[in-house]
Each structure stands twice: as structure tokens, then as C-alpha cells.
Amino acid sequence: LKGSFAATMRRLSMSFCVFAMTTTTTLGGRARPLSPRMMSVVPIRGGSEMATAQEAAASAAFARGMDAAEPLIVEVEAAVATGQPYEGVLGAKCDEIFAVGLGAFADVPGASAEARSLFEEALDARLECLFVKHVSALRAKLLAGFRAGEVSIDEVDRDFKNQCESAKRTASSWSHDADRASLKAVLLELKARSDRVTSVNSKASAQQQSYMQLFQTYQAQIQQLQAAVGAAPPEASLAYRIPDTDLAIRASKQADKTTLTLTCVPDDGPGTALLGTQGFVKGITPVNFGFTLNLHV
């Protein structure tokens, strides 16, 4: 078998259906494609016969390892897709899945070390897709918290870095550097926009306050000039006395002030009391008295 492994793997590829997937993550408005990687291997019946026992063992081990790991991978994928990423434990979960796959692969005797290496690469690529999806979900969550004003840029960057590190499989070459740099750029842009909006609102508020102070100054000067020349603003008033009572209502309008007056008019005379035989009061003075309530609007 020495020197024939390349030919062996070419024949293996005719007996396996290799699925590749190009995964993209949108960060900062730009899509970053991942290189197509071997995702899963499913044996196809009816292909060319295996030339050697080693090829048959590699085929069986490959299929068995992937079959053992796939249900666990699908379970994690479903959780991440529904917005429940394995924060803080994804790396350990990937280590567990990787160990299960390798254990199933090793259960089939006769597979070469090179076949095992190819299997590890394929399974690692499959798990890396989980990592990419987790990073995408984590990014969306942290951006939402930043937009809500709950965290600062430094806190988002620190949390993103720590959680990405904890989501990596042990001894893997997975990287989140590009994702982190893109997220940082988005955060800085959002911060710059927020600062510009705050600055514009602050300037508008200051200008409005300045106009209000100027208006009040002019109004005070006008009132002072009117008082100096003895000019009084026009006034309109209306009074109404409720029949058979001592209550009178008066409304007046002068400049920008409206006044409502409610008056209790004293009795016209001791013998003609409208509020009873005792008059409005009894025993205070010989003359009745009234009161006035003014409401300024």
C-alpha cells in the first residue's frame, strides 16, 4: 500500500458524497465568505469496489464517525438558530462532539493515520460552522445591548473576545479576529452617529433657550415703555349674577392674562336677605360682608 494512498483517496471520493458549504457572516455591512470545507460524508452504495482492506476500513470508519457526531451537531445548531447560543460552554461541547466522533472512528479497525487526519479535518470544519453561527448570534446580542445603552464599546469588545475564546474547540485554529475588528468598527460608527445626534440636539436646545431669553427681554422692555408713557392695554370683561342667589361671576381679558372672578355679594339689606332670615352672617357686624375668589389663567 506504500505510495498508493493518494490513489486510494481518489477512489474513496468516488464512493462518498462530500457536501461543501460556503458560510458567510455579515459584519459591518460586508459579507466574509469562508472557504468551502468538507461538511459531512455519506456513503453511496453501488460505487467502485474498494481495492484494499485499508480503503474499506477508512470508508467505514469515516461514515461511522460522522454518524456518531452528526446528531450532537444538529442539536447544537438548533439551539443556536433559535437564539440560544451555548455561551461559555460551546468550546467544551465541541470538544465533546469531537471526542465522540473520533471514538466512533477508532472503533473500526484498520483505518490508517492519514485517513484519521482527513476525518479530523472534516469534523473540525463541521464544528467550525457551529462556532461561526455562535459568533453571529453573539454579535447580534451584544449590538442590541449597545444600542440600548446598556454597555460601552470596551465592555462589548471584552465580552465578545472572552466568549469567542471560550467557544473554540481545544487545539483548533478557529479565529475570530476579523469578526472582532468588524464589530469594533460598527460600534465606533454607531457611537459617532449617536454623538452627532446628541451634539445637534444640544445646539438646538441652546439656540431655543437663547431665543426664549431674547423674547422675554423684549417683552419686559415693551411693558416698561408702556408703563412709562402711561399706556394701558385694552381690557374686556363680562359679569353675570346668578338669579335668586348672592353669587356673581366675572370674566376679564387683558393683554395675555385671563381672569375669572367668583363673588358672593352681600345682602342688599337686613330686611331683604336672599340667604335666609338670618342674612349672610349673624352676630359679626350689623352690616353683611362678602368675599371674592380670583382665578388667573
Protein backbone atom coordinates (compact mmCIF):
# COMPACT_ATOMS: atom_id res chain seq x y z
CA LEU A 1 0.00 0.00 0.00
CA LYS A 2 3.02 2.26 0.27
CA GLY A 3 2.86 5.23 -2.11
CA SER A 4 -0.73 4.47 -3.15
CA PHE A 5 -2.64 6.49 -0.55
CA ALA A 6 -3.35 9.37 -2.97
CA ALA A 7 -4.87 6.97 -5.46
CA THR A 8 -6.75 5.31 -2.63
CA MET A 9 -8.35 8.58 -1.54
CA ARG A 10 -9.30 9.36 -5.14
CA ARG A 11 -11.16 6.08 -5.27
CA LEU A 12 -12.65 6.84 -1.84
CA SER A 13 -14.01 10.11 -3.16
CA MET A 14 -15.92 8.18 -5.83
CA SER A 15 -17.66 6.18 -3.11
CA PHE A 16 -18.56 9.13 -0.92
CA CYS A 17 -20.78 12.15 -1.43
CA VAL A 18 -18.93 15.11 0.00
CA PHE A 19 -21.03 18.11 0.84
CA ALA A 20 -19.40 21.53 0.94
CA MET A 21 -20.90 24.69 2.24
CA THR A 22 -19.80 28.29 1.97
CA THR A 23 -20.82 30.12 5.11
CA THR A 24 -20.91 33.88 5.31
CA THR A 25 -21.23 36.20 8.24
CA THR A 26 -22.38 39.77 7.79
CA LEU A 27 -20.29 42.12 9.88
CA GLY A 28 -20.39 45.85 9.40
CA GLY A 29 -22.48 45.50 6.26
CA ARG A 30 -19.89 43.28 4.49
CA ALA A 31 -20.09 39.53 3.91
CA ARG A 32 -16.98 37.50 4.75
CA PRO A 33 -17.03 34.16 2.92
CA LEU A 34 -15.49 31.11 4.48
CA SER A 35 -13.58 28.69 2.33
CA PRO A 36 -15.68 25.67 1.34
CA ARG A 37 -14.90 22.89 3.74
CA MET A 38 -15.84 19.24 3.90
CA MET A 39 -19.05 19.17 5.96
CA SER A 40 -20.22 15.56 6.11
CA VAL A 41 -19.64 12.30 4.38
CA VAL A 42 -22.39 9.89 3.43
CA PRO A 43 -21.58 6.57 1.79
CA ILE A 44 -23.11 5.94 -1.62
CA ARG A 45 -23.95 2.37 -2.43
CA GLY A 46 -23.09 0.97 -5.78
CA GLY A 47 -19.73 2.77 -6.28
CA SER A 48 -16.49 1.16 -7.41
CA GLU A 49 -15.24 -1.72 -5.26
CA MET A 50 -12.61 -0.98 -2.63
CA ALA A 51 -9.18 -2.02 -3.86
CA THR A 52 -7.76 -2.77 -0.45
CA ALA A 53 -8.91 -3.63 3.05
CA GLN A 54 -7.46 -0.32 4.25
CA GLU A 55 -9.74 1.62 1.92
CA ALA A 56 -12.77 -0.29 3.15
CA ALA A 57 -11.79 0.35 6.76
CA ALA A 58 -11.29 4.06 6.10
CA SER A 59 -14.68 4.29 4.43
CA ALA A 60 -16.46 2.52 7.26
CA ALA A 61 -14.64 4.47 9.95
CA PHE A 62 -15.36 7.78 8.22
CA ALA A 63 -19.07 7.05 7.95
CA ARG A 64 -19.32 5.72 11.50
CA GLY A 65 -17.53 8.72 13.00
CA MET A 66 -19.71 11.22 11.16
CA ASP A 67 -22.89 9.33 12.00
CA ALA A 68 -21.99 9.46 15.69
CA ALA A 69 -21.17 13.18 15.71
CA GLU A 70 -23.94 14.48 13.46
CA PRO A 71 -26.91 14.19 15.91
CA LEU A 72 -24.98 16.15 18.54
CA ILE A 73 -24.04 18.79 15.97
CA VAL A 74 -27.64 19.14 14.80
CA GLU A 75 -28.78 19.59 18.41
CA VAL A 76 -26.36 22.47 18.98
CA GLU A 77 -27.23 24.01 15.61
CA ALA A 78 -30.93 24.05 16.51
CA ALA A 79 -30.21 25.79 19.82
CA VAL A 80 -28.03 28.44 18.18
CA ALA A 81 -30.60 29.02 15.40
CA THR A 82 -33.34 29.74 17.94
CA GLY A 83 -31.26 32.39 19.69
CA GLN A 84 -29.96 30.17 22.48
CA PRO A 85 -26.20 30.05 21.88
CA TYR A 86 -24.02 27.96 24.16
CA GLU A 87 -22.41 30.96 25.82
CA GLY A 88 -19.36 29.93 27.79
CA VAL A 89 -19.74 26.21 27.05
CA LEU A 90 -19.66 25.86 23.26
CA GLY A 91 -15.94 25.08 23.28
CA ALA A 92 -16.44 22.25 25.76
CA LYS A 93 -19.42 20.99 23.74
CA CYS A 94 -17.33 20.94 20.56
CA ASP A 95 -14.59 19.02 22.40
CA GLU A 96 -17.21 16.50 23.48
CA ILE A 97 -18.57 16.07 19.93
CA PHE A 98 -15.06 15.78 18.52
CA ALA A 99 -14.20 13.07 21.06
CA VAL A 100 -17.40 11.16 20.24
CA GLY A 101 -16.62 11.28 16.51
CA LEU A 102 -13.03 10.14 16.98
CA GLY A 103 -14.15 7.39 19.32
CA ALA A 104 -16.57 6.06 16.75
CA PHE A 105 -13.91 6.33 14.04
CA ALA A 106 -11.44 4.37 16.16
CA ASP A 107 -13.99 1.61 16.76
CA VAL A 108 -13.45 0.49 13.17
CA PRO A 109 -10.03 -1.23 12.95
CA GLY A 110 -7.73 -0.91 10.00
CA ALA A 111 -8.04 2.82 9.17
CA SER A 112 -4.71 4.49 8.50
CA ALA A 113 -3.33 7.54 10.31
CA GLU A 114 -3.78 9.60 7.16
CA ALA A 115 -7.44 8.63 6.97
CA ARG A 116 -7.83 9.64 10.61
CA SER A 117 -6.20 13.00 9.85
CA LEU A 118 -8.64 13.61 6.99
CA PHE A 119 -11.54 12.69 9.25
CA GLU A 120 -10.35 15.10 11.94
CA GLU A 121 -10.13 17.88 9.37
CA ALA A 122 -13.65 17.20 8.09
CA LEU A 123 -15.15 17.03 11.58
CA ASP A 124 -13.27 20.17 12.63
CA ALA A 125 -14.71 22.04 9.64
CA ARG A 126 -18.21 20.86 10.57
CA LEU A 127 -17.77 22.10 14.14
CA GLU A 128 -16.30 25.38 12.94
CA CYS A 129 -19.66 26.14 11.33
CA LEU A 130 -21.19 25.97 14.82
CA PHE A 131 -18.57 28.42 16.01
CA VAL A 132 -19.36 30.84 13.17
CA LYS A 133 -23.10 30.70 13.88
CA HIS A 134 -22.45 31.22 17.57
CA VAL A 135 -20.28 34.26 16.84
CA SER A 136 -23.02 35.72 14.64
CA ALA A 137 -25.69 35.26 17.34
CA LEU A 138 -23.36 36.68 19.98
CA ARG A 139 -22.59 39.71 17.83
CA ALA A 140 -26.29 40.48 17.33
CA LYS A 141 -26.96 40.20 21.07
CA LEU A 142 -24.08 42.49 22.04
CA LEU A 143 -25.04 45.07 19.40
CA ALA A 144 -28.59 45.14 20.74
CA GLY A 145 -27.29 45.79 24.24
CA PHE A 146 -25.02 48.57 22.98
CA ARG A 147 -27.85 50.26 21.05
CA ALA A 148 -29.97 50.16 24.21
CA GLY A 149 -27.23 51.99 26.09
CA GLU A 150 -26.65 49.12 28.50
CA VAL A 151 -22.94 48.64 27.81
CA SER A 152 -19.96 50.60 26.50
CA ILE A 153 -17.75 49.83 23.50
CA ASP A 154 -14.97 48.48 25.72
CA GLU A 155 -17.40 46.19 27.55
CA VAL A 156 -18.82 44.84 24.29
CA ASP A 157 -15.34 44.24 22.88
CA ARG A 158 -14.19 42.49 26.06
CA ASP A 159 -17.30 40.28 26.29
CA PHE A 160 -17.10 39.38 22.60
CA LYS A 161 -13.43 38.38 22.87
CA ASN A 162 -13.91 36.32 26.05
CA GLN A 163 -16.98 34.48 24.80
CA CYS A 164 -15.41 33.74 21.42
CA GLU A 165 -12.34 32.33 23.12
CA SER A 166 -14.48 30.09 25.32
CA ALA A 167 -16.40 28.87 22.23
CA LYS A 168 -13.31 27.50 20.47
CA ARG A 169 -12.51 23.82 20.37
CA THR A 170 -9.28 22.87 22.10
CA ALA A 171 -6.27 22.90 19.74
CA SER A 172 -8.36 24.29 16.87
CA SER A 173 -7.21 27.04 14.53
CA TRP A 174 -10.53 28.89 14.59
CA SER A 175 -10.17 32.66 14.62
CA HIS A 176 -12.49 35.50 15.48
CA ASP A 177 -10.05 38.35 14.84
CA ALA A 178 -11.77 39.57 11.67
CA ASP A 179 -15.18 39.37 13.36
CA ARG A 180 -13.90 41.30 16.35
CA ALA A 181 -12.35 44.03 14.19
CA SER A 182 -15.54 44.38 12.15
CA LEU A 183 -17.69 44.54 15.28
CA LYS A 184 -15.42 47.22 16.74
CA ALA A 185 -15.78 49.27 13.55
CA VAL A 186 -19.58 49.01 13.71
CA LEU A 187 -19.60 50.07 17.36
CA LEU A 188 -17.40 53.09 16.66
CA GLU A 189 -19.64 54.13 13.78
CA LEU A 190 -22.76 53.83 15.94
CA LYS A 191 -21.05 55.84 18.68
CA ALA A 192 -20.06 58.56 16.21
CA ARG A 193 -23.64 58.80 14.91
CA SER A 194 -25.01 58.99 18.44
CA ASP A 195 -22.54 61.74 19.33
CA ARG A 196 -23.52 63.73 16.24
CA VAL A 197 -27.22 63.46 17.10
CA THR A 198 -26.55 64.48 20.69
CA SER A 199 -24.48 67.46 19.54
CA VAL A 200 -27.19 68.65 17.14
CA ASN A 201 -29.90 68.31 19.80
CA SER A 202 -27.77 70.18 22.33
CA LYS A 203 -27.13 73.04 19.92
CA ALA A 204 -30.81 73.25 19.01
CA SER A 205 -31.81 73.33 22.69
CA ALA A 206 -29.27 76.06 23.46
CA GLN A 207 -30.45 78.13 20.50
CA GLN A 208 -34.09 77.75 21.55
CA GLN A 209 -33.22 78.86 25.07
CA SER A 210 -31.39 81.86 23.70
CA TYR A 211 -34.40 82.86 21.60
CA MET A 212 -36.69 82.48 24.63
CA GLN A 213 -34.49 84.72 26.76
CA LEU A 214 -34.35 87.33 24.00
CA PHE A 215 -38.15 87.26 23.65
CA GLN A 216 -38.63 87.69 27.40
CA THR A 217 -36.20 90.62 27.41
CA TYR A 218 -38.07 92.36 24.59
CA GLN A 219 -41.41 91.72 26.32
CA ALA A 220 -40.15 93.21 29.58
CA GLN A 221 -38.84 96.29 27.73
CA ILE A 222 -42.20 96.77 25.99
CA GLN A 223 -44.03 96.60 29.31
CA GLN A 224 -41.64 99.14 30.81
CA LEU A 225 -42.21 101.54 27.90
CA GLN A 226 -45.98 101.17 28.22
CA ALA A 227 -45.80 101.94 31.94
CA ALA A 228 -43.55 104.95 31.29
CA VAL A 229 -45.95 106.57 28.80
CA GLY A 230 -49.00 105.64 30.83
CA ALA A 231 -50.43 103.38 28.14
CA ALA A 232 -52.67 100.65 29.43
CA PRO A 233 -53.54 97.60 27.36
CA PRO A 234 -57.22 97.17 26.42
CA GLU A 235 -59.36 95.11 28.74
CA ALA A 236 -62.62 93.28 28.12
CA SER A 237 -64.80 91.96 30.93
CA LEU A 238 -68.14 90.24 31.44
CA ALA A 239 -70.11 89.87 34.68
CA TYR A 240 -73.12 87.71 35.47
CA ARG A 241 -75.10 87.34 38.71
CA ILE A 242 -76.91 84.05 39.20
CA PRO A 243 -80.63 84.75 39.77
CA ASP A 244 -82.00 84.38 43.30
CA THR A 245 -78.51 83.98 44.75
CA ASP A 246 -75.72 86.18 46.07
CA LEU A 247 -73.21 84.64 43.62
CA ALA A 248 -71.73 86.67 40.77
CA ILE A 249 -69.25 85.55 38.11
CA ARG A 250 -66.95 87.93 36.30
CA ALA A 251 -64.51 87.16 33.45
CA SER A 252 -61.96 89.61 32.15
CA LYS A 253 -59.27 89.55 29.45
CA GLN A 254 -56.29 91.92 29.50
CA ALA A 255 -53.22 91.51 27.30
CA ASP A 256 -52.23 87.82 27.65
CA LYS A 257 -53.95 87.28 31.01
CA THR A 258 -57.46 85.96 31.59
CA THR A 259 -59.15 86.37 34.99
CA LEU A 260 -62.20 84.56 36.36
CA THR A 261 -63.82 86.09 39.47
CA LEU A 262 -66.42 84.41 41.69
CA THR A 263 -68.06 86.85 44.13
CA CYS A 264 -70.53 86.37 46.97
CA VAL A 265 -72.36 89.69 47.05
CA PRO A 266 -73.52 90.95 50.47
CA ASP A 267 -77.26 91.13 51.11
CA ASP A 268 -78.93 94.27 49.86
CA GLY A 269 -80.46 94.91 53.28
CA PRO A 270 -81.32 93.24 56.56
CA GLY A 271 -84.96 93.00 55.59
CA THR A 272 -84.38 91.51 52.16
CA ALA A 273 -81.91 88.75 52.89
CA LEU A 274 -81.59 86.35 49.97
CA LEU A 275 -79.79 83.73 52.02
CA GLY A 276 -82.43 83.28 54.66
CA THR A 277 -83.91 85.15 57.58
CA GLN A 278 -80.54 85.35 59.27
CA GLY A 279 -78.87 87.04 56.29
CA PHE A 280 -75.42 86.08 55.12
CA VAL A 281 -73.96 86.09 58.66
CA LYS A 282 -75.32 86.59 62.12
CA GLY A 283 -73.80 88.41 65.05
CA ILE A 284 -70.49 89.55 63.47
CA THR A 285 -71.38 93.07 62.37
CA PRO A 286 -74.55 94.97 61.69
CA VAL A 287 -73.54 95.09 58.03
CA ASN A 288 -73.29 91.98 55.87
CA PHE A 289 -69.99 91.19 54.14
CA GLY A 290 -68.96 89.23 51.01
CA PHE A 291 -65.85 87.52 49.55
CA THR A 292 -64.18 87.29 46.16
CA LEU A 293 -62.21 84.42 44.55
CA ASN A 294 -59.95 85.29 41.60
CA LEU A 295 -58.57 82.69 39.20
CA HIS A 296 -55.88 83.86 36.77
CA VAL A 297 -55.44 81.80 33.61
